[in-house]
C-alpha cells in the first residue's frame, strides 16, 4: 500500500557530505513523524533523526550539528543532509514513516524503506 524508496548513499571520504532522500508513495492520506535510522555491521539499528509533520526535529547526539533532516509534505519526501562525515557514520541508512492511509484514517501504520549504504573511508 505504501512504498518508501531511499536514494543518495555511496562511498565518500571523511569530511565529505552526502544527501539522502526518501520518497513515499501509495495510498497516503497524511504522514506524521518521518525518521532516519542506521545500522552498522554487528550493531543494533539506531535512530538518527526525527522530523514531525510540523517540522520539529530531533537528533541523536553523535550527529547533532552535522546532520540536518528536512521534509516536503507536498511531495511526501524526507531528506538527510550529512556533513562532516566520519568513518563511524558508516552504516545502512533506513527511512521510516508513520503513515495514515486513505483506506483507513483512524490509524497510522509504520513503513520502512529498503535501506541505502553509506560508507565513509578514513
N, C-alpha and C. Protein backbone atom coordinates (compact mmCIF):
# COMPACT_ATOMS: atom_id res chain seq x y z
N UNK A 1 0.82 -1.21 0.00
CA UNK A 1 0.00 0.00 0.00
C UNK A 1 0.85 1.26 0.00
N UNK A 2 1.98 1.23 0.72
CA UNK A 2 2.88 2.37 0.77
C UNK A 2 4.29 1.87 0.55
N UNK A 3 5.04 2.59 -0.26
CA UNK A 3 6.43 2.24 -0.52
C UNK A 3 7.30 3.44 -0.18
N UNK A 4 8.42 3.15 0.48
CA UNK A 4 9.42 4.17 0.75
C UNK A 4 10.68 3.79 -0.02
N UNK A 5 11.20 4.71 -0.80
CA UNK A 5 12.38 4.44 -1.62
C UNK A 5 13.45 5.47 -1.29
N UNK A 6 14.58 4.96 -0.80
CA UNK A 6 15.71 5.83 -0.46
C UNK A 6 16.67 5.94 -1.64
N UNK A 7 17.41 7.02 -1.64
CA UNK A 7 18.46 7.22 -2.62
C UNK A 7 19.52 8.14 -2.03
N UNK A 8 20.70 8.13 -2.64
CA UNK A 8 21.73 9.09 -2.26
C UNK A 8 22.90 8.53 -1.50
N UNK A 9 22.89 7.25 -1.17
CA UNK A 9 24.02 6.67 -0.46
C UNK A 9 25.24 6.56 -1.37
N UNK A 10 26.36 6.18 -0.77
CA UNK A 10 27.56 5.99 -1.56
C UNK A 10 28.80 5.90 -0.71
N UNK A 11 29.95 5.93 -1.39
CA UNK A 11 31.25 5.87 -0.73
C UNK A 11 31.89 7.25 -0.79
N UNK A 12 32.23 7.78 0.39
CA UNK A 12 32.86 9.09 0.46
C UNK A 12 34.03 9.04 1.44
N UNK A 13 34.80 10.11 1.46
CA UNK A 13 35.92 10.21 2.39
C UNK A 13 35.48 10.99 3.63
N UNK A 14 36.20 10.79 4.71
CA UNK A 14 35.92 11.52 5.93
C UNK A 14 35.96 13.03 5.66
N UNK A 15 34.97 13.74 6.19
CA UNK A 15 34.86 15.16 5.98
C UNK A 15 33.95 15.56 4.82
N UNK A 16 33.62 14.61 3.98
CA UNK A 16 32.73 14.89 2.86
C UNK A 16 31.28 14.98 3.31
N UNK A 17 30.42 15.30 2.34
CA UNK A 17 28.99 15.40 2.60
C UNK A 17 28.22 14.47 1.67
N UNK A 18 27.05 14.06 2.13
CA UNK A 18 26.11 13.28 1.34
C UNK A 18 24.70 13.73 1.69
N UNK A 19 23.80 13.59 0.73
CA UNK A 19 22.40 13.90 0.99
C UNK A 19 21.57 12.67 0.64
N UNK A 20 20.88 12.16 1.63
CA UNK A 20 19.97 11.04 1.42
C UNK A 20 18.55 11.57 1.21
N UNK A 21 17.83 10.90 0.35
CA UNK A 21 16.44 11.26 0.11
C UNK A 21 15.56 10.02 0.22
N UNK A 22 14.32 10.24 0.58
CA UNK A 22 13.36 9.14 0.69
C UNK A 22 12.01 9.65 0.20
N UNK A 23 11.43 8.91 -0.73
CA UNK A 23 10.13 9.29 -1.28
C UNK A 23 9.09 8.23 -0.92
N UNK A 24 7.98 8.68 -0.39
CA UNK A 24 6.88 7.78 -0.05
C UNK A 24 5.80 7.87 -1.11
N UNK A 25 5.27 6.73 -1.47
CA UNK A 25 4.20 6.70 -2.47
C UNK A 25 3.18 5.62 -2.09
N UNK A 26 1.96 5.79 -2.61
CA UNK A 26 0.92 4.82 -2.33
C UNK A 26 -0.33 5.49 -1.82
N UNK A 27 -1.08 4.74 -1.00
CA UNK A 27 -2.37 5.21 -0.51
C UNK A 27 -2.19 6.09 0.74
N UNK A 28 -1.59 7.25 0.54
CA UNK A 28 -1.21 8.12 1.65
C UNK A 28 -2.24 9.21 1.86
N UNK A 29 -2.81 9.25 3.05
CA UNK A 29 -3.67 10.36 3.43
C UNK A 29 -2.83 11.47 4.06
N UNK A 30 -1.95 11.07 4.97
CA UNK A 30 -1.01 12.01 5.57
C UNK A 30 0.13 11.20 6.20
N UNK A 31 1.20 11.91 6.50
CA UNK A 31 2.34 11.28 7.16
C UNK A 31 2.65 12.05 8.43
N UNK A 32 2.75 11.36 9.52
CA UNK A 32 3.11 12.00 10.78
C UNK A 32 4.63 12.07 10.88
N UNK A 33 5.23 11.45 11.88
CA UNK A 33 6.68 11.53 12.00
C UNK A 33 7.37 10.79 10.86
N UNK A 34 8.50 11.34 10.43
CA UNK A 34 9.39 10.67 9.49
C UNK A 34 10.76 10.60 10.15
N UNK A 35 11.45 9.51 9.94
CA UNK A 35 12.70 9.28 10.66
C UNK A 35 13.76 8.68 9.74
N UNK A 36 14.98 8.86 10.12
CA UNK A 36 16.11 8.13 9.55
C UNK A 36 16.75 7.29 10.65
N UNK A 37 16.94 6.03 10.35
CA UNK A 37 17.66 5.12 11.20
C UNK A 37 18.94 4.69 10.47
N UNK A 38 19.85 4.10 11.21
CA UNK A 38 21.01 3.49 10.58
C UNK A 38 21.41 2.23 11.36
N UNK A 39 22.03 1.33 10.62
CA UNK A 39 22.51 0.11 11.23
C UNK A 39 23.89 -0.22 10.69
N UNK A 40 24.86 -0.21 11.58
CA UNK A 40 26.23 -0.58 11.23
C UNK A 40 26.40 -2.08 11.42
N UNK A 41 27.37 -2.67 10.74
CA UNK A 41 27.60 -4.12 10.87
C UNK A 41 27.81 -4.52 12.33
N UNK A 42 27.08 -5.52 12.77
CA UNK A 42 27.24 -6.03 14.12
C UNK A 42 26.61 -5.18 15.20
N UNK A 43 25.89 -4.13 14.80
CA UNK A 43 25.28 -3.24 15.79
C UNK A 43 23.77 -3.20 15.61
N UNK A 44 23.08 -2.73 16.65
CA UNK A 44 21.63 -2.56 16.56
C UNK A 44 21.27 -1.35 15.73
N UNK A 45 20.07 -1.40 15.18
CA UNK A 45 19.59 -0.25 14.43
C UNK A 45 19.43 0.93 15.38
N UNK A 46 19.85 2.10 14.91
CA UNK A 46 19.90 3.31 15.74
C UNK A 46 19.07 4.42 15.10
N UNK A 47 18.26 5.08 15.93
CA UNK A 47 17.51 6.23 15.45
C UNK A 47 18.45 7.41 15.32
N UNK A 48 18.52 7.98 14.13
CA UNK A 48 19.44 9.09 13.86
C UNK A 48 18.74 10.44 13.97
N UNK A 49 17.58 10.57 13.32
CA UNK A 49 16.89 11.85 13.30
C UNK A 49 15.41 11.65 13.07
N UNK A 50 14.63 12.57 13.64
CA UNK A 50 13.18 12.55 13.51
C UNK A 50 12.68 13.93 13.12
N UNK A 51 11.66 13.97 12.27
CA UNK A 51 11.01 15.24 11.96
C UNK A 51 9.50 15.02 11.99
N UNK A 52 8.79 15.88 12.70
CA UNK A 52 7.34 15.79 12.77
C UNK A 52 6.72 16.45 11.53
N UNK A 53 5.40 16.30 11.37
CA UNK A 53 4.79 16.90 10.19
C UNK A 53 4.71 18.42 10.30
N UNK A 54 4.97 18.95 11.48
CA UNK A 54 5.04 20.40 11.63
C UNK A 54 6.47 20.92 11.55
N UNK A 55 7.43 20.01 11.39
CA UNK A 55 8.81 20.44 11.17
C UNK A 55 9.72 20.41 12.38
N UNK A 56 9.24 19.96 13.51
CA UNK A 56 10.11 19.84 14.68
C UNK A 56 11.08 18.68 14.47
N UNK A 57 12.31 18.88 14.90
CA UNK A 57 13.35 17.88 14.64
C UNK A 57 14.03 17.44 15.93
N UNK A 58 14.61 16.27 15.86
CA UNK A 58 15.38 15.73 16.98
C UNK A 58 16.48 14.85 16.40
N UNK A 59 17.65 14.87 17.05
CA UNK A 59 18.81 14.14 16.54
C UNK A 59 19.48 13.35 17.66
N UNK A 60 20.10 12.25 17.30
CA UNK A 60 20.98 11.56 18.23
C UNK A 60 22.21 12.45 18.43
N UNK A 61 22.77 12.41 19.63
CA UNK A 61 23.85 13.34 19.97
C UNK A 61 25.03 13.25 18.99
N UNK A 62 25.32 12.06 18.51
CA UNK A 62 26.52 11.87 17.69
C UNK A 62 26.45 12.57 16.34
N UNK A 63 25.26 13.01 15.91
CA UNK A 63 25.15 13.66 14.60
C UNK A 63 24.70 15.12 14.71
N UNK A 64 24.42 15.57 15.94
CA UNK A 64 23.99 16.97 16.10
C UNK A 64 25.04 17.90 15.54
N UNK A 65 24.60 18.94 14.88
CA UNK A 65 25.45 19.97 14.26
C UNK A 65 26.14 19.48 13.00
N UNK A 66 25.91 18.22 12.60
CA UNK A 66 26.48 17.72 11.34
C UNK A 66 25.39 17.29 10.36
N UNK A 67 24.31 16.73 10.87
CA UNK A 67 23.22 16.23 10.02
C UNK A 67 22.01 17.14 10.15
N UNK A 68 21.26 17.26 9.06
CA UNK A 68 20.02 18.03 9.07
C UNK A 68 18.93 17.24 8.36
N UNK A 69 17.83 17.01 9.06
CA UNK A 69 16.68 16.34 8.47
C UNK A 69 15.68 17.38 8.02
N UNK A 70 15.06 17.13 6.86
CA UNK A 70 14.04 18.04 6.35
C UNK A 70 12.99 17.22 5.59
N UNK A 71 11.87 17.85 5.31
CA UNK A 71 10.81 17.13 4.60
C UNK A 71 10.02 18.08 3.72
N UNK A 72 9.38 17.51 2.73
CA UNK A 72 8.47 18.24 1.85
C UNK A 72 7.13 17.53 1.95
N UNK A 73 6.21 18.09 2.70
CA UNK A 73 4.93 17.43 2.92
C UNK A 73 4.11 17.30 1.64
N UNK A 74 4.26 18.24 0.75
CA UNK A 74 3.51 18.18 -0.51
C UNK A 74 3.98 17.02 -1.38
N UNK A 75 5.25 16.67 -1.27
CA UNK A 75 5.82 15.60 -2.11
C UNK A 75 6.01 14.30 -1.35
N UNK A 76 5.69 14.30 -0.06
CA UNK A 76 5.88 13.11 0.77
C UNK A 76 7.32 12.61 0.74
N UNK A 77 8.23 13.53 0.90
CA UNK A 77 9.64 13.19 0.90
C UNK A 77 10.32 13.65 2.19
N UNK A 78 11.38 12.97 2.54
CA UNK A 78 12.22 13.36 3.66
C UNK A 78 13.67 13.22 3.22
N UNK A 79 14.51 14.13 3.68
CA UNK A 79 15.91 14.13 3.31
C UNK A 79 16.78 14.19 4.55
N UNK A 80 18.01 13.75 4.39
CA UNK A 80 19.01 13.85 5.46
C UNK A 80 20.28 14.39 4.84
N UNK A 81 20.61 15.62 5.18
CA UNK A 81 21.86 16.22 4.74
C UNK A 81 22.92 15.87 5.76
N UNK A 82 23.96 15.21 5.31
CA UNK A 82 25.02 14.73 6.22
C UNK A 82 26.32 15.43 5.85
N UNK A 83 26.81 16.24 6.75
CA UNK A 83 28.06 16.96 6.55
C UNK A 83 29.13 16.45 7.51
N UNK A 84 30.37 16.77 7.18
CA UNK A 84 31.50 16.38 8.04
C UNK A 84 31.42 14.90 8.43
N UNK A 85 31.24 14.07 7.43
CA UNK A 85 31.04 12.64 7.69
C UNK A 85 32.29 12.01 8.30
N UNK A 86 32.05 11.06 9.17
CA UNK A 86 33.11 10.35 9.87
C UNK A 86 33.02 8.85 9.55
N UNK A 87 34.11 8.13 9.68
CA UNK A 87 34.05 6.67 9.43
C UNK A 87 32.98 5.98 10.28
N UNK A 88 32.75 6.47 11.47
CA UNK A 88 31.75 5.85 12.34
C UNK A 88 30.31 6.11 11.88
N UNK A 89 30.14 6.93 10.86
CA UNK A 89 28.81 7.11 10.26
C UNK A 89 28.50 6.01 9.24
N UNK A 90 29.47 5.17 8.95
CA UNK A 90 29.27 4.09 8.00
C UNK A 90 28.18 3.15 8.48
N UNK A 91 27.17 2.94 7.65
CA UNK A 91 26.02 2.12 8.02
C UNK A 91 25.06 2.05 6.83
N UNK A 92 24.08 1.17 6.97
CA UNK A 92 22.94 1.20 6.07
C UNK A 92 21.92 2.15 6.70
N UNK A 93 21.46 3.11 5.93
CA UNK A 93 20.52 4.11 6.42
C UNK A 93 19.11 3.78 5.91
N UNK A 94 18.16 3.80 6.83
CA UNK A 94 16.78 3.44 6.53
C UNK A 94 15.85 4.62 6.79
N UNK A 95 14.94 4.81 5.88
CA UNK A 95 13.86 5.77 6.04
C UNK A 95 12.67 5.08 6.71
N UNK A 96 11.99 5.82 7.57
CA UNK A 96 10.85 5.28 8.31
C UNK A 96 9.77 6.35 8.37
N UNK A 97 8.51 5.92 8.22
CA UNK A 97 7.42 6.91 8.24
C UNK A 97 6.19 6.33 8.91
N UNK A 98 5.49 7.20 9.63
CA UNK A 98 4.20 6.86 10.24
C UNK A 98 3.12 7.41 9.31
N UNK A 99 2.42 6.51 8.64
CA UNK A 99 1.53 6.90 7.55
C UNK A 99 0.07 6.64 7.92
N UNK A 100 -0.75 7.63 7.66
CA UNK A 100 -2.20 7.45 7.73
C UNK A 100 -2.67 7.15 6.31
N UNK A 101 -3.35 6.03 6.14
CA UNK A 101 -3.74 5.58 4.81
C UNK A 101 -5.08 6.18 4.41
N UNK A 102 -5.26 6.35 3.12
CA UNK A 102 -6.54 6.83 2.62
C UNK A 102 -7.65 5.82 2.87
N UNK A 103 -7.26 4.55 3.00
CA UNK A 103 -8.24 3.49 3.19
C UNK A 103 -8.68 3.33 4.64
N UNK A 104 -7.95 3.95 5.57
CA UNK A 104 -8.31 3.84 6.99
C UNK A 104 -7.63 4.97 7.75
N UNK A 105 -8.33 6.08 7.91
CA UNK A 105 -7.70 7.26 8.53
C UNK A 105 -7.77 7.22 10.05
N UNK A 106 -8.26 6.09 10.60
CA UNK A 106 -8.33 6.01 12.06
C UNK A 106 -6.97 5.73 12.68
N UNK A 107 -6.09 5.11 11.92
CA UNK A 107 -4.83 4.67 12.49
C UNK A 107 -3.65 5.12 11.63
N UNK A 108 -2.46 5.04 12.22
CA UNK A 108 -1.25 5.24 11.45
C UNK A 108 -0.50 3.93 11.41
N UNK A 109 0.20 3.70 10.33
CA UNK A 109 0.98 2.48 10.11
C UNK A 109 2.42 2.87 9.84
N UNK A 110 3.31 2.02 10.28
CA UNK A 110 4.74 2.29 10.15
C UNK A 110 5.29 1.56 8.92
N UNK A 111 6.03 2.30 8.13
CA UNK A 111 6.64 1.73 6.93
C UNK A 111 8.14 2.02 6.92
N UNK A 112 8.88 1.11 6.24
CA UNK A 112 10.32 1.22 6.13
C UNK A 112 10.75 1.18 4.68
N UNK A 113 11.81 1.89 4.41
CA UNK A 113 12.46 1.75 3.12
C UNK A 113 13.40 0.56 3.12
N UNK A 114 14.03 0.32 1.97
CA UNK A 114 14.88 -0.85 1.81
C UNK A 114 16.30 -0.60 2.31
N UNK A 115 16.64 0.63 2.54
CA UNK A 115 17.97 0.97 3.04
C UNK A 115 18.91 1.40 1.94
N UNK A 116 19.83 2.29 2.29
CA UNK A 116 20.86 2.72 1.36
C UNK A 116 22.19 2.75 2.12
N UNK A 117 23.23 2.23 1.48
CA UNK A 117 24.53 2.10 2.13
C UNK A 117 25.30 3.41 2.08
N UNK A 118 25.81 3.80 3.23
CA UNK A 118 26.72 4.93 3.33
C UNK A 118 28.04 4.41 3.90
N UNK A 119 29.11 4.62 3.16
CA UNK A 119 30.43 4.18 3.60
C UNK A 119 31.37 5.38 3.60
N UNK A 120 31.99 5.61 4.76
CA UNK A 120 32.90 6.74 4.91
C UNK A 120 34.29 6.19 5.18
N UNK A 121 35.20 6.47 4.29
CA UNK A 121 36.58 5.99 4.46
C UNK A 121 37.42 7.04 5.17
N UNK A 122 38.40 6.57 5.91
CA UNK A 122 39.26 7.49 6.68
C UNK A 122 40.45 7.96 5.87
